[in-house]
Amino acid sequence: MITEKGHLMLADLDKRFDDPPRSFSPVPIWWWSGEKLDAHRLRWQLERFAEGGVYNLLIMNLAPAGPLYGCDADDPPYFSEEWWTIFRGVCKDARALGVRLWFYDQFGFSGANMQARLVTQHPTFAGQSLERIACDVAGAGMLECPEAGTPVAAFVIPIDGQGQPVGEPSQIPVHGKSVTWHGPGTHRLMLFYSIESGFDYYSVSACQALLAMVHGAFEAHVGDFFGNVIVGTFQDELAAMPVWSRDFAQAFRARRGYDVLPHLPALWEEYGDQAQRVLHDYHATRSALAETAFFKPLFQWHEEHGLTCGFDQQGPARAGYPIQSVQLYADYPRTHRWYTAITMEMRKSTPRLITSTTGHARGSRLSIVRAGVARWKKRLIGCCPGYVQVPTFMIPMRCTTVPAVDGGSGLLRRRTGDNRTGSTITCSP
C-alpha cells in the first residue's frame, strides 16, 4: 500500500524526470579539433545543444601539440592567446544560454605532452623505474647494468631445481656497473637498477608545476567563470604511478621505520612472511607519496575553486583487476578517493562495484559514464569542431556500497618480468 505521502513522493519523482534539473543533463564530449575554430559556429552549436536539452559540455582538444588520430593540429594552437580568446567567448555564450562547461586537463590520454615539457625544462621532474636483471647460476656468474641504468643493489638467493627460493637473499657488492658471484650451489643472481621513466608523481614540486601549468592557466584566463559556468574538470587514463624515485628509499625509511634497499628481492621473489611485509609496505609507500604530491593537491585545488573533479582511468584498474590496479596506481581506491566525480565506461558489474566503492571511501558523488559508441577514435577521422562523442552520460548519484578497505590493494607482487634489454649476462657452470 502506498500512503498519501508516498503518492506525493512518486508524483514529485515523476515530475523530476519530466523536467529534470539542467545539472542532470548528458555531458557529451565537445571535440575542438579537426578544423579551425570559429566563434560564430561555436555559438551556433551551443544554441543547438541547449535546444536539445544538453546543458553540460566537456571541451576537449584532441590534437593540442600536432596531428593525432587523423586530425590536423588544433587551430588555433591549444593554449595560444587566440585559443584563450575563443574559450572566454564560449564561456560568455554558455552563461547567456544557461550551459555549464567542463575542461579536460590533458594529464592522461593526451597529445599535449604537458609532463614532457616540464621534464625538458626541469630534468629532475622525470620519474624513475626500478628494474631487475637476473640469472640463475651454478658456481659463478656476472651481470652488467644497462647503459642508461644506475645500479641500486645486487643480491643472490639460493634456489631449488624448480627455480624457487629456498632461503633468504644476501646482498653483494656492485663494482661500477657490474656484479660478479662465485659460490657453491645454485643461486639466482640479481642486479637492481633505476632508470628514468615518465613523470615523477611523487615529487611535490613537480606536481605543483604541473597543476600550475594547466589548472593555473585556466584560473588565470577564465577563473571568473569558475563555479557558475565552468563547473568541473575531467581526466582520462592517467599514466601509471612510478615504481621508484630519487627519494623513494629515504621516504620509505621515514614512513616504515626500516631501509627498503636490503629487501628489494621481495618485490620480485616470494620467500616468506618478511617478503610479504616488505611488499605491502612498498606499495603503501607508493600510495602515500602519490596522495601527498598529486592526488590530494588536485582535490584541494578543485575544492578551493568550487569545481568538480572527474576521472575515468586505465582499463585494468576501473575493471577491477587487482594486480594491474596496484601496478598502475599503488592502491587504487585510496589514491582515487580524492576525485569527486568517479566515473567509468564499462558495463560489467565488477567495475561498477570498484567505482562505487572508491567513491564511498570519501562519500563522493558518483558519475557513471556510459560510452555507447564503440571504438570512438576511429570516428574522429575527418572530424570537425563540434564533433560530439555520444551517448556519454554523467549521472550524479550517491555511492552506496561498502567502504574501501584501508590499504585495500593488499599484498600483491609487482611481477612485471625482468628487463634484460641492453644488459650483459654471463653464467658459467
Protein backbone atom coordinates (compact mmCIF):
# COMPACT_ATOMS: atom_id res chain seq x y z
CA MET A 1 0.00 0.00 0.00
CA ILE A 2 1.25 3.47 -0.89
CA THR A 3 0.34 6.25 1.53
CA GLU A 4 -0.70 9.76 0.54
CA LYS A 5 2.82 10.89 1.32
CA GLY A 6 4.12 8.11 -0.89
CA HIS A 7 1.88 9.22 -3.76
CA LEU A 8 3.23 12.76 -3.39
CA MET A 9 6.80 11.46 -3.45
CA LEU A 10 6.10 9.42 -6.58
CA ALA A 11 4.44 12.39 -8.23
CA ASP A 12 7.43 14.59 -7.37
CA LEU A 13 9.79 11.94 -8.74
CA ASP A 14 7.76 11.72 -11.95
CA LYS A 15 7.90 15.50 -12.30
CA ARG A 16 11.66 15.46 -11.86
CA PHE A 17 12.01 13.03 -14.73
CA ASP A 18 9.63 15.07 -16.90
CA ASP A 19 11.61 18.24 -16.27
CA PRO A 20 15.00 17.30 -14.76
CA PRO A 21 17.38 19.95 -13.45
CA ARG A 22 19.84 21.13 -16.05
CA SER A 23 22.73 19.81 -13.95
CA PHE A 24 21.46 16.29 -14.71
CA SER A 25 21.60 16.62 -18.47
CA PRO A 26 24.01 14.44 -20.50
CA VAL A 27 27.61 15.68 -20.60
CA PRO A 28 28.88 14.95 -24.11
CA ILE A 29 32.50 15.48 -25.05
CA TRP A 30 32.69 18.51 -27.33
CA TRP A 31 35.73 18.00 -29.54
CA TRP A 32 37.57 21.16 -30.53
CA SER A 33 39.74 19.53 -33.20
CA GLY A 34 39.73 18.82 -36.93
CA GLU A 35 39.09 22.30 -38.34
CA LYS A 36 39.82 25.88 -37.40
CA LEU A 37 37.69 27.09 -34.52
CA ASP A 38 35.14 29.75 -35.38
CA ALA A 39 33.44 31.73 -32.59
CA HIS A 40 30.16 32.15 -34.50
CA ARG A 41 29.98 28.48 -35.35
CA LEU A 42 30.68 27.52 -31.74
CA ARG A 43 27.88 29.85 -30.58
CA TRP A 44 25.53 28.21 -33.08
CA GLN A 45 26.47 24.79 -31.77
CA LEU A 46 25.90 25.89 -28.17
CA GLU A 47 22.41 27.04 -29.13
CA ARG A 48 21.69 23.67 -30.75
CA PHE A 49 22.89 21.86 -27.63
CA ALA A 50 20.63 23.94 -25.39
CA GLU A 51 17.65 23.45 -27.71
CA GLY A 52 18.24 19.69 -27.49
CA GLY A 53 18.32 19.66 -23.70
CA VAL A 54 22.10 19.36 -23.34
CA TYR A 55 23.25 21.85 -20.71
CA ASN A 56 26.64 20.36 -19.82
CA LEU A 57 29.62 20.07 -22.16
CA LEU A 58 33.15 18.76 -21.73
CA ILE A 59 35.51 20.69 -24.01
CA MET A 60 38.40 18.56 -25.22
CA ASN A 61 41.24 19.20 -27.66
CA LEU A 62 42.37 16.02 -29.38
CA ALA A 63 45.46 17.30 -31.21
CA PRO A 64 46.88 20.06 -29.00
CA ALA A 65 50.51 19.56 -29.98
CA GLY A 66 50.25 18.21 -33.53
CA PRO A 67 48.28 15.85 -35.78
CA LEU A 68 46.75 12.92 -33.91
CA TYR A 69 44.16 10.21 -34.65
CA GLY A 70 43.51 11.53 -38.14
CA CYS A 71 43.06 15.14 -37.01
CA ASP A 72 45.21 18.03 -38.10
CA ALA A 73 46.89 20.03 -35.35
CA ASP A 74 44.40 22.14 -33.40
CA ASP A 75 43.82 25.58 -34.92
CA PRO A 76 44.32 27.93 -33.20
CA PRO A 77 47.01 26.15 -31.18
CA TYR A 78 45.92 24.92 -27.77
CA PHE A 79 46.65 27.46 -25.02
CA SER A 80 47.61 30.19 -27.51
CA GLU A 81 46.21 33.67 -26.89
CA GLU A 82 43.81 33.22 -29.81
CA TRP A 83 42.61 29.93 -28.30
CA TRP A 84 42.02 31.57 -24.91
CA THR A 85 40.09 34.41 -26.56
CA ILE A 86 37.77 31.90 -28.20
CA PHE A 87 37.44 29.90 -24.96
CA ARG A 88 36.47 33.03 -22.99
CA GLY A 89 33.92 33.91 -25.65
CA VAL A 90 32.39 30.45 -25.40
CA CYS A 91 32.19 30.86 -21.62
CA LYS A 92 30.25 34.11 -22.10
CA ASP A 93 27.91 32.47 -24.59
CA ALA A 94 27.42 29.49 -22.28
CA ARG A 95 26.50 31.81 -19.43
CA ALA A 96 23.90 33.54 -21.59
CA LEU A 97 22.41 30.20 -22.66
CA GLY A 98 22.49 28.53 -19.24
CA VAL A 99 25.03 25.92 -20.32
CA ARG A 100 27.72 24.63 -17.99
CA LEU A 101 31.22 23.71 -19.15
CA TRP A 102 33.93 21.28 -18.07
CA PHE A 103 37.55 21.39 -19.25
CA TYR A 104 39.84 18.44 -19.93
CA ASP A 105 43.14 18.52 -18.02
CA GLN A 106 45.28 16.70 -20.64
CA PHE A 107 47.10 14.76 -17.89
CA GLY A 108 46.26 11.26 -19.11
CA PHE A 109 45.07 10.44 -22.63
CA SER A 110 46.55 13.39 -24.44
CA GLY A 111 48.77 14.70 -27.17
CA ALA A 112 49.62 17.86 -25.24
CA ASN A 113 52.79 16.41 -23.67
CA MET A 114 52.48 18.66 -20.62
CA GLN A 115 54.59 16.41 -18.41
CA ALA A 116 57.25 16.00 -21.11
CA ARG A 117 57.52 19.76 -21.47
CA LEU A 118 58.10 20.13 -17.74
CA VAL A 119 60.70 17.37 -17.69
CA THR A 120 62.52 19.09 -20.56
CA GLN A 121 62.64 22.30 -18.53
CA HIS A 122 63.32 20.55 -15.21
CA PRO A 123 65.06 17.18 -15.69
CA THR A 124 64.65 16.30 -12.00
CA PHE A 125 60.88 16.09 -12.60
CA ALA A 126 61.41 12.85 -14.51
CA GLY A 127 60.06 9.74 -12.84
CA GLN A 128 62.06 6.59 -12.27
CA SER A 129 61.50 2.89 -12.70
CA LEU A 130 63.16 0.16 -10.65
CA GLU A 131 64.21 -2.73 -12.86
CA ARG A 132 65.97 -6.04 -12.36
CA ILE A 133 68.20 -8.27 -14.42
CA ALA A 134 68.71 -11.81 -13.13
CA CYS A 135 70.45 -15.04 -13.99
CA ASP A 136 70.33 -18.47 -12.35
CA VAL A 137 73.93 -19.59 -11.77
CA ALA A 138 75.60 -22.76 -10.57
CA GLY A 139 79.05 -21.73 -9.43
CA ALA A 140 79.74 -18.32 -10.93
CA GLY A 141 78.10 -15.57 -12.91
CA MET A 142 78.23 -11.92 -13.87
CA LEU A 143 75.65 -9.23 -14.59
CA GLU A 144 76.18 -5.80 -16.10
CA CYS A 145 73.79 -2.89 -15.74
CA PRO A 146 72.27 -1.46 -18.96
CA GLU A 147 73.98 1.70 -20.14
CA ALA A 148 71.05 4.01 -19.27
CA GLY A 149 70.56 2.47 -15.82
CA THR A 150 72.03 3.35 -12.43
CA PRO A 151 72.86 0.35 -10.19
CA VAL A 152 70.97 0.33 -6.89
CA ALA A 153 71.85 -3.02 -5.26
CA ALA A 154 72.73 -6.64 -6.03
CA PHE A 155 71.78 -9.92 -4.36
CA VAL A 156 71.94 -13.68 -4.59
CA ILE A 157 69.28 -16.05 -3.32
CA PRO A 158 69.53 -19.86 -3.16
CA ILE A 159 67.02 -21.70 -5.37
CA ASP A 160 65.94 -25.30 -5.88
CA GLY A 161 65.72 -27.31 -9.07
CA GLN A 162 62.40 -25.67 -9.97
CA GLY A 163 63.83 -22.18 -9.59
CA GLN A 164 62.01 -21.48 -6.30
CA PRO A 165 63.81 -19.63 -3.46
CA VAL A 166 64.87 -21.90 -0.59
CA GLY A 167 66.40 -19.26 1.66
CA GLU A 168 66.89 -15.57 2.35
CA PRO A 169 68.63 -13.27 -0.17
CA SER A 170 72.12 -11.98 0.57
CA GLN A 171 73.31 -8.57 -0.59
CA ILE A 172 76.59 -8.48 -2.51
CA PRO A 173 78.71 -5.52 -3.66
CA VAL A 174 78.36 -3.82 -7.03
CA HIS A 175 81.59 -2.78 -8.73
CA GLY A 176 80.96 0.10 -11.10
CA LYS A 177 78.04 -1.11 -13.17
CA SER A 178 78.59 -4.85 -12.82
CA VAL A 179 78.32 -7.58 -10.22
CA THR A 180 80.00 -10.98 -10.08
CA TRP A 181 79.31 -14.03 -7.94
CA HIS A 182 81.30 -17.14 -7.04
CA GLY A 183 79.93 -19.71 -4.65
CA PRO A 184 78.71 -23.28 -4.17
CA GLY A 185 75.19 -24.36 -5.08
CA THR A 186 72.60 -22.86 -7.38
CA HIS A 187 71.61 -19.24 -6.86
CA ARG A 188 69.68 -16.50 -8.59
CA LEU A 189 71.99 -13.57 -9.18
CA MET A 190 70.10 -10.26 -9.28
CA LEU A 191 71.10 -6.70 -10.11
CA PHE A 192 68.60 -3.92 -9.41
CA TYR A 193 68.91 -0.60 -11.18
CA SER A 194 66.94 2.61 -11.66
CA ILE A 195 66.17 4.25 -14.98
CA GLU A 196 64.32 7.44 -15.90
CA SER A 197 60.74 6.80 -16.93
CA GLY A 198 57.78 9.16 -17.27
CA PHE A 199 56.87 11.88 -14.78
CA ASP A 200 57.59 11.94 -11.04
CA TYR A 201 54.15 11.95 -9.42
CA TYR A 202 55.91 11.52 -6.05
CA SER A 203 57.59 14.92 -6.28
CA VAL A 204 55.62 17.72 -4.63
CA SER A 205 57.43 20.39 -6.66
CA ALA A 206 56.91 18.53 -9.96
CA CYS A 207 53.19 18.10 -9.33
CA GLN A 208 52.82 21.72 -8.22
CA ALA A 209 54.37 22.78 -11.51
CA LEU A 210 52.03 20.50 -13.46
CA LEU A 211 48.93 21.89 -11.73
CA ALA A 212 50.15 25.44 -12.29
CA MET A 213 50.82 24.72 -15.96
CA VAL A 214 47.27 23.54 -16.70
CA HIS A 215 44.83 24.42 -13.91
CA GLY A 216 46.70 27.61 -13.12
CA ALA A 217 46.40 28.68 -16.76
CA PHE A 218 42.64 28.15 -16.73
CA GLU A 219 42.39 30.07 -13.47
CA ALA A 220 44.37 32.98 -14.90
CA HIS A 221 42.35 33.20 -18.14
CA VAL A 222 38.81 32.16 -17.14
CA GLY A 223 38.84 31.95 -13.35
CA ASP A 224 35.96 34.42 -13.15
CA PHE A 225 33.74 31.74 -14.71
CA PHE A 226 34.63 29.08 -12.12
CA GLY A 227 31.73 27.68 -10.14
CA ASN A 228 28.95 29.07 -12.34
CA VAL A 229 29.81 28.47 -16.00
CA ILE A 230 32.86 26.23 -15.60
CA VAL A 231 31.77 23.61 -13.08
CA GLY A 232 34.35 20.84 -13.36
CA THR A 233 37.33 19.19 -14.96
CA PHE A 234 37.84 15.72 -16.38
CA GLN A 235 40.84 13.40 -16.51
CA ASP A 236 41.13 10.25 -18.62
CA GLU A 237 43.55 7.33 -18.30
CA LEU A 238 46.20 8.88 -16.10
CA ALA A 239 49.63 7.29 -16.54
CA ALA A 240 50.87 4.74 -14.02
CA MET A 241 52.41 5.99 -10.81
CA PRO A 242 56.20 5.50 -10.72
CA VAL A 243 57.66 2.39 -9.13
CA TRP A 244 60.70 4.30 -7.89
CA SER A 245 62.02 7.82 -7.45
CA ARG A 246 65.20 9.62 -6.48
CA ASP A 247 63.96 9.97 -2.91
CA PHE A 248 61.94 6.75 -2.64
CA ALA A 249 64.34 4.90 -0.35
CA GLN A 250 64.51 7.85 2.08
CA ALA A 251 60.73 8.29 2.02
CA PHE A 252 60.24 4.58 2.66
CA ARG A 253 62.56 4.66 5.67
CA ALA A 254 60.79 7.71 7.10
CA ARG A 255 57.35 6.10 6.78
CA ARG A 256 58.11 2.45 7.57
CA GLY A 257 61.00 2.68 10.01
CA TYR A 258 63.42 0.47 8.10
CA ASP A 259 65.52 0.51 4.94
CA VAL A 260 63.97 -0.97 1.79
CA LEU A 261 67.26 -1.37 -0.11
CA PRO A 262 68.34 -4.61 1.63
CA HIS A 263 64.91 -6.06 0.83
CA LEU A 264 64.50 -5.28 -2.88
CA PRO A 265 64.30 -9.00 -3.84
CA ALA A 266 60.94 -9.10 -2.01
CA LEU A 267 59.45 -7.08 -4.88
CA TRP A 268 60.13 -9.98 -7.24
CA GLU A 269 60.64 -13.13 -5.16
CA GLU A 270 58.48 -14.98 -2.64
CA TYR A 271 60.47 -16.19 0.35
CA GLY A 272 58.29 -15.90 3.43
CA ASP A 273 56.35 -13.53 5.65
CA GLN A 274 59.09 -10.92 5.66
CA ALA A 275 58.91 -10.59 1.89
CA GLN A 276 55.15 -10.15 2.09
CA ARG A 277 55.55 -7.38 4.67
CA VAL A 278 58.11 -5.56 2.55
CA LEU A 279 55.86 -5.81 -0.50
CA HIS A 280 52.91 -4.39 1.42
CA ASP A 281 54.99 -1.52 2.79
CA TYR A 282 56.43 -0.79 -0.65
CA HIS A 283 53.04 -0.30 -2.30
CA ALA A 284 51.70 1.55 0.75
CA THR A 285 54.60 3.98 0.36
CA ARG A 286 53.88 4.41 -3.35
CA SER A 287 50.28 5.21 -2.47
CA ALA A 288 51.20 7.67 0.29
CA LEU A 289 53.70 9.54 -1.88
CA ALA A 290 51.24 9.82 -4.78
CA GLU A 291 48.47 11.04 -2.48
CA THR A 292 50.68 13.68 -0.90
CA ALA A 293 52.21 15.03 -4.10
CA PHE A 294 49.44 14.69 -6.67
CA PHE A 295 46.01 13.38 -5.71
CA LYS A 296 45.30 15.43 -2.58
CA PRO A 297 46.58 18.74 -4.04
CA LEU A 298 44.44 18.11 -7.13
CA PHE A 299 41.39 17.62 -4.90
CA GLN A 300 42.22 20.68 -2.78
CA TRP A 301 42.55 22.89 -5.86
CA HIS A 302 39.08 21.88 -7.01
CA GLU A 303 37.60 22.40 -3.54
CA GLU A 304 39.10 25.89 -3.32
CA HIS A 305 37.57 26.85 -6.67
CA GLY A 306 34.20 25.17 -6.24
CA LEU A 307 34.74 22.69 -9.08
CA THR A 308 34.02 19.00 -9.52
CA CYS A 309 36.94 16.75 -10.45
CA GLY A 310 36.06 13.72 -12.57
CA PHE A 311 38.09 10.86 -13.99
CA ASP A 312 37.98 7.59 -15.89
CA GLN A 313 41.33 5.82 -15.52
CA GLN A 314 43.04 2.97 -17.29
CA GLY A 315 41.01 -0.16 -18.02
CA PRO A 316 42.66 -2.72 -15.72
CA ALA A 317 42.06 -0.50 -12.68
CA ARG A 318 38.49 0.52 -13.46
CA ALA A 319 37.72 -3.08 -14.45
CA GLY A 320 38.70 -4.33 -11.01
CA TYR A 321 41.84 -6.31 -11.84
CA PRO A 322 43.73 -6.16 -8.52
CA ILE A 323 47.31 -6.86 -9.61
CA GLN A 324 47.17 -4.47 -12.56
CA SER A 325 45.48 -1.85 -10.36
CA VAL A 326 48.40 -1.99 -7.94
CA GLN A 327 50.92 -1.79 -10.75
CA LEU A 328 49.17 1.29 -12.13
CA TYR A 329 48.09 3.28 -9.08
CA ALA A 330 49.55 1.53 -5.99
CA ASP A 331 46.28 1.50 -4.04
CA TYR A 332 43.53 2.41 -6.50
CA PRO A 333 40.66 3.01 -4.03
CA ARG A 334 42.89 5.03 -1.73
CA THR A 335 44.56 7.26 -4.31
CA HIS A 336 41.38 7.83 -6.30
CA ARG A 337 39.08 8.65 -3.39
CA TRP A 338 40.24 12.25 -3.91
CA TYR A 339 38.11 12.70 -7.04
CA THR A 340 34.57 13.98 -6.60
CA ALA A 341 33.08 12.58 -9.82
CA ILE A 342 34.18 8.98 -10.11
CA THR A 343 33.37 7.56 -13.49
CA MET A 344 33.71 4.51 -15.68
CA GLU A 345 32.76 3.49 -19.18
CA MET A 346 32.36 -0.24 -18.62
CA ARG A 347 29.06 -2.07 -18.26
CA LYS A 348 30.05 -5.11 -16.21
CA SER A 349 29.07 -5.31 -12.55
CA THR A 350 32.60 -5.59 -11.13
CA PRO A 351 33.74 -2.19 -12.49
CA ARG A 352 30.58 -0.63 -11.07
CA LEU A 353 31.39 -2.09 -7.65
CA ILE A 354 35.00 -0.90 -7.76
CA THR A 355 33.95 2.56 -8.93
CA SER A 356 31.23 2.92 -6.32
CA THR A 357 33.42 1.61 -3.52
CA THR A 358 36.17 4.06 -4.42
CA GLY A 359 33.68 6.91 -4.24
CA HIS A 360 32.33 5.67 -0.93
CA ALA A 361 35.78 5.95 0.61
CA ARG A 362 35.19 9.71 0.74
CA GLY A 363 31.42 9.85 0.44
CA SER A 364 31.81 11.27 -3.07
CA ARG A 365 29.03 11.79 -5.54
CA LEU A 366 29.32 9.27 -8.34
CA SER A 367 29.13 9.95 -12.04
CA ILE A 368 28.64 6.97 -14.30
CA VAL A 369 29.99 7.33 -17.82
CA ARG A 370 28.35 5.13 -20.44
CA ALA A 371 30.29 5.49 -23.68
CA GLY A 372 27.94 3.78 -26.09
CA VAL A 373 29.93 4.39 -29.25
CA ALA A 374 32.43 1.59 -29.70
CA ARG A 375 35.92 2.35 -30.94
CA TRP A 376 35.22 6.06 -30.91
CA LYS A 377 38.73 7.01 -32.01
CA LYS A 378 38.06 5.63 -35.46
CA ARG A 379 35.18 8.06 -35.79
CA LEU A 380 37.49 11.03 -35.40
CA ILE A 381 38.90 10.72 -38.91
CA GLY A 382 37.68 13.76 -40.79
CA CYS A 383 36.02 15.16 -37.70
CA CYS A 384 35.29 18.83 -37.28
CA PRO A 385 34.89 21.22 -34.34
CA GLY A 386 31.67 20.36 -32.64
CA TYR A 387 32.06 16.61 -33.08
CA VAL A 388 30.31 15.05 -30.11
CA GLN A 389 31.01 11.64 -28.63
CA VAL A 390 27.58 10.24 -27.81
CA PRO A 391 25.93 8.81 -25.92
CA THR A 392 28.03 9.83 -22.94
CA PHE A 393 26.06 10.34 -19.76
CA MET A 394 27.40 11.57 -16.44
CA ILE A 395 24.65 10.85 -13.93
CA PRO A 396 25.23 12.15 -10.38
CA MET A 397 24.18 9.74 -7.62
CA ARG A 398 25.25 8.85 -4.12
CA CYS A 399 27.62 5.92 -3.65
CA THR A 400 26.01 3.18 -1.60
CA THR A 401 28.39 0.23 -1.48
CA VAL A 402 30.74 -0.85 1.28
CA PRO A 403 33.72 1.40 2.03
CA ALA A 404 37.14 0.58 0.69
CA VAL A 405 39.42 -1.39 2.97
CA ASP A 406 42.32 0.54 4.44
CA GLY A 407 45.31 -0.22 2.25
CA GLY A 408 42.90 -2.31 0.23
CA SER A 409 45.15 -3.28 -2.62
CA GLY A 410 46.74 -5.86 -0.35
CA LEU A 411 49.89 -7.88 -0.75
CA LEU A 412 50.21 -8.04 -4.49
CA ARG A 413 53.59 -8.63 -6.01
CA ARG A 414 55.00 -6.39 -8.68
CA ARG A 415 55.88 -9.14 -11.16
CA THR A 416 56.35 -7.32 -14.43
CA GLY A 417 59.15 -9.56 -15.62
CA ASP A 418 62.87 -8.96 -15.69
CA ASN A 419 64.21 -6.30 -18.00
CA ARG A 420 67.13 -7.77 -19.89
CA THR A 421 67.30 -5.09 -22.59
CA GLY A 422 70.82 -3.80 -23.05
CA SER A 423 72.22 -5.94 -20.22
CA THR A 424 75.13 -8.35 -20.22
CA ILE A 425 74.63 -11.72 -18.53
CA THR A 426 77.33 -14.33 -18.19
CA CYS A 427 76.66 -17.65 -16.48
CA SER A 428 79.29 -20.33 -16.08
CA PRO A 429 78.92 -23.84 -14.64
